[in-house]
Amino acid sequence: MQESTIFMFKNTLERKKFAFEQRIKNDVEEIEKIKQLKEEERKDVTEQATLVQMKKDKEIEGVKAKTMRTKAEYEAKTEALVNSIDADTELKYNEIVAEAKLVET
């Protein structure tokens, strides 16, 4: 009877040991699956962030280009206006000088 009890004890011990090892193996596999899923999620989020950043960079470049065009237009308009004012001033000056010479004579 004692041998029977020892055999049953060993048999139970072996079953529990096997179940424990299976649980460890299953836990390791589950952890690996979770790690892989998290890594894929991280990659997806990184890709999305990169796409958003690229879009923002493109928008910024567009704004910079528009700003440069607007600046160049205003500089050209300012230059043209200054030249026009200079020409009008020169013309008025010459008219005044001509009238002054007529008055003197």
C-alpha atoms as a PDB file:
ATOM      1  CA  MET A   1       0.000   0.000   0.000  1.00  0.00           C
ATOM      2  CA  GLN A   2       2.819   2.318   0.741  1.00  0.00           C
ATOM      3  CA  GLU A   3       4.212   1.744  -2.748  1.00  0.00           C
ATOM      4  CA  SER A   4       0.825   2.551  -4.188  1.00  0.00           C
ATOM      5  CA  THR A   5       0.704   5.805  -2.229  1.00  0.00           C
ATOM      6  CA  ILE A   6       4.226   6.712  -3.319  1.00  0.00           C
ATOM      7  CA  PHE A   7       3.327   5.925  -6.929  1.00  0.00           C
ATOM      8  CA  MET A   8       0.207   8.083  -6.718  1.00  0.00           C
ATOM      9  CA  PHE A   9       2.183  10.887  -5.084  1.00  0.00           C
ATOM     10  CA  LYS A  10       4.864  10.723  -7.810  1.00  0.00           C
ATOM     11  CA  ASN A  11       2.198  10.547 -10.486  1.00  0.00           C
ATOM     12  CA  THR A  12       0.417  13.609  -9.049  1.00  0.00           C
ATOM     13  CA  LEU A  13       3.732  15.404  -8.709  1.00  0.00           C
ATOM     14  CA  GLU A  14       4.612  14.661 -12.346  1.00  0.00           C
ATOM     15  CA  ARG A  15       1.193  15.909 -13.533  1.00  0.00           C
ATOM     16  CA  LYS A  16       1.518  19.100 -11.516  1.00  0.00           C
ATOM     17  CA  LYS A  17       5.094  19.609 -12.707  1.00  0.00           C
ATOM     18  CA  PHE A  18       3.979  19.111 -16.326  1.00  0.00           C
ATOM     19  CA  ALA A  19       1.030  21.509 -15.837  1.00  0.00           C
ATOM     20  CA  PHE A  20       3.362  24.087 -14.277  1.00  0.00           C
ATOM     21  CA  GLU A  21       5.865  23.826 -17.145  1.00  0.00           C
ATOM     22  CA  GLN A  22       3.012  24.119 -19.679  1.00  0.00           C
ATOM     23  CA  ARG A  23       1.738  27.218 -17.903  1.00  0.00           C
ATOM     24  CA  ILE A  24       5.220  28.757 -17.968  1.00  0.00           C
ATOM     25  CA  LYS A  25       5.509  27.941 -21.679  1.00  0.00           C
ATOM     26  CA  ASN A  26       2.047  29.390 -22.384  1.00  0.00           C
ATOM     27  CA  ASP A  27       2.834  32.531 -20.385  1.00  0.00           C
ATOM     28  CA  VAL A  28       6.090  33.055 -22.306  1.00  0.00           C
ATOM     29  CA  GLU A  29       4.234  32.637 -25.617  1.00  0.00           C
ATOM     30  CA  GLU A  30       1.531  35.068 -24.494  1.00  0.00           C
ATOM     31  CA  ILE A  31       4.140  37.618 -23.425  1.00  0.00           C
ATOM     32  CA  GLU A  32       5.830  37.312 -26.825  1.00  0.00           C
ATOM     33  CA  LYS A  33       2.486  37.838 -28.591  1.00  0.00           C
ATOM     34  CA  ILE A  34       1.791  40.921 -26.484  1.00  0.00           C
ATOM     35  CA  LYS A  35       5.283  42.287 -27.155  1.00  0.00           C
ATOM     36  CA  GLN A  36       4.813  41.759 -30.888  1.00  0.00           C
ATOM     37  CA  LEU A  37       1.410  43.474 -30.846  1.00  0.00           C
ATOM     38  CA  LYS A  38       2.809  46.406 -28.890  1.00  0.00           C
ATOM     39  CA  GLU A  39       5.728  46.678 -31.308  1.00  0.00           C
ATOM     40  CA  GLU A  40       3.330  46.739 -34.262  1.00  0.00           C
ATOM     41  CA  GLU A  41       1.183  49.360 -32.532  1.00  0.00           C
ATOM     42  CA  ARG A  42       4.291  51.429 -31.844  1.00  0.00           C
ATOM     43  CA  LYS A  43       5.322  51.187 -35.502  1.00  0.00           C
ATOM     44  CA  ASP A  44       1.834  52.226 -36.618  1.00  0.00           C
ATOM     45  CA  VAL A  45       1.817  55.201 -34.281  1.00  0.00           C
ATOM     46  CA  THR A  46       5.305  56.187 -35.415  1.00  0.00           C
ATOM     47  CA  GLU A  47       4.278  55.968 -39.075  1.00  0.00           C
ATOM     48  CA  GLN A  48       1.174  58.067 -38.389  1.00  0.00           C
ATOM     49  CA  ALA A  49       3.240  60.647 -36.527  1.00  0.00           C
ATOM     50  CA  THR A  50       5.736  60.747 -39.387  1.00  0.00           C
ATOM     51  CA  LEU A  51       2.948  61.278 -41.913  1.00  0.00           C
ATOM     52  CA  VAL A  52       1.434  64.047 -39.813  1.00  0.00           C
ATOM     53  CA  GLN A  53       4.845  65.678 -39.424  1.00  0.00           C
ATOM     54  CA  MET A  54       5.478  65.474 -43.167  1.00  0.00           C
ATOM     55  CA  LYS A  55       2.090  67.081 -43.818  1.00  0.00           C
ATOM     56  CA  LYS A  56       2.844  69.861 -41.341  1.00  0.00           C
ATOM     57  CA  ASP A  57       6.292  70.388 -42.885  1.00  0.00           C
ATOM     58  CA  LYS A  58       4.686  70.646 -46.323  1.00  0.00           C
ATOM     59  CA  GLU A  59       2.171  73.187 -45.001  1.00  0.00           C
ATOM     60  CA  ILE A  60       4.981  75.188 -43.399  1.00  0.00           C
ATOM     61  CA  GLU A  61       6.957  75.187 -46.650  1.00  0.00           C
ATOM     62  CA  GLY A  62       3.841  76.371 -48.486  1.00  0.00           C
ATOM     63  CA  VAL A  63       3.361  79.207 -46.021  1.00  0.00           C
ATOM     64  CA  LYS A  64       7.037  80.152 -46.304  1.00  0.00           C
ATOM     65  CA  ALA A  65       6.826  80.204 -50.104  1.00  0.00           C
ATOM     66  CA  LYS A  66       3.648  82.299 -50.023  1.00  0.00           C
ATOM     67  CA  THR A  67       5.256  84.671 -47.543  1.00  0.00           C
ATOM     68  CA  MET A  68       8.315  85.042 -49.761  1.00  0.00           C
ATOM     69  CA  ARG A  69       6.114  85.748 -52.815  1.00  0.00           C
ATOM     70  CA  THR A  70       4.072  88.305 -50.883  1.00  0.00           C
ATOM     71  CA  LYS A  71       7.224  89.943 -49.570  1.00  0.00           C
ATOM     72  CA  ALA A  72       8.699  90.124 -53.074  1.00  0.00           C
ATOM     73  CA  GLU A  73       5.445  91.609 -54.424  1.00  0.00           C
ATOM     74  CA  TYR A  74       5.367  94.280 -51.730  1.00  0.00           C
ATOM     75  CA  GLU A  75       9.018  95.093 -52.275  1.00  0.00           C
ATOM     76  CA  ALA A  76       8.380  95.466 -56.008  1.00  0.00           C
ATOM     77  CA  LYS A  77       5.278  97.603 -55.401  1.00  0.00           C
ATOM     78  CA  THR A  78       7.184  99.742 -52.913  1.00  0.00           C
ATOM     79  CA  GLU A  79      10.057 100.174 -55.367  1.00  0.00           C
ATOM     80  CA  ALA A  80       7.632 101.129 -58.147  1.00  0.00           C
ATOM     81  CA  LEU A  81       5.817 103.584 -55.877  1.00  0.00           C
ATOM     82  CA  VAL A  82       9.089 105.186 -54.750  1.00  0.00           C
ATOM     83  CA  ASN A  83      10.211 105.497 -58.386  1.00  0.00           C
ATOM     84  CA  SER A  84       6.861 107.029 -59.323  1.00  0.00           C
ATOM     85  CA  ILE A  85       7.085 109.518 -56.468  1.00  0.00           C
ATOM     86  CA  ASP A  86      10.672 110.381 -57.465  1.00  0.00           C
ATOM     87  CA  ALA A  87       9.598 110.904 -61.089  1.00  0.00           C
ATOM     88  CA  ASP A  88       6.611 113.055 -60.071  1.00  0.00           C
ATOM     89  CA  THR A  89       8.826 115.073 -57.755  1.00  0.00           C
ATOM     90  CA  GLU A  90      11.439 115.569 -60.484  1.00  0.00           C
ATOM     91  CA  LEU A  91       8.719 116.640 -62.934  1.00  0.00           C
ATOM     92  CA  LYS A  92       7.197 119.113 -60.463  1.00  0.00           C
ATOM     93  CA  TYR A  93      10.638 120.461 -59.656  1.00  0.00           C
ATOM     94  CA  ASN A  94      11.383 121.006 -63.341  1.00  0.00           C
ATOM     95  CA  GLU A  95       7.982 122.682 -63.851  1.00  0.00           C
ATOM     96  CA  ILE A  96       8.615 125.006 -60.928  1.00  0.00           C
ATOM     97  CA  VAL A  97      12.116 125.844 -62.194  1.00  0.00           C
ATOM     98  CA  ALA A  98      10.709 126.504 -65.694  1.00  0.00           C
ATOM     99  CA  GLU A  99       7.972 128.786 -64.317  1.00  0.00           C
ATOM    100  CA  ALA A 100      10.537 130.611 -62.212  1.00  0.00           C
ATOM    101  CA  LYS A 101      12.694 131.235 -65.287  1.00  0.00           C
ATOM    102  CA  LEU A 102       9.659 132.537 -67.185  1.00  0.00           C
ATOM    103  CA  VAL A 103       8.805 134.871 -64.370  1.00  0.00           C
ATOM    104  CA  GLU A 104      12.373 136.206 -64.251  1.00  0.00           C
ATOM    105  CA  THR A 105      12.366 137.062 -67.912  1.00  0.00           C
END
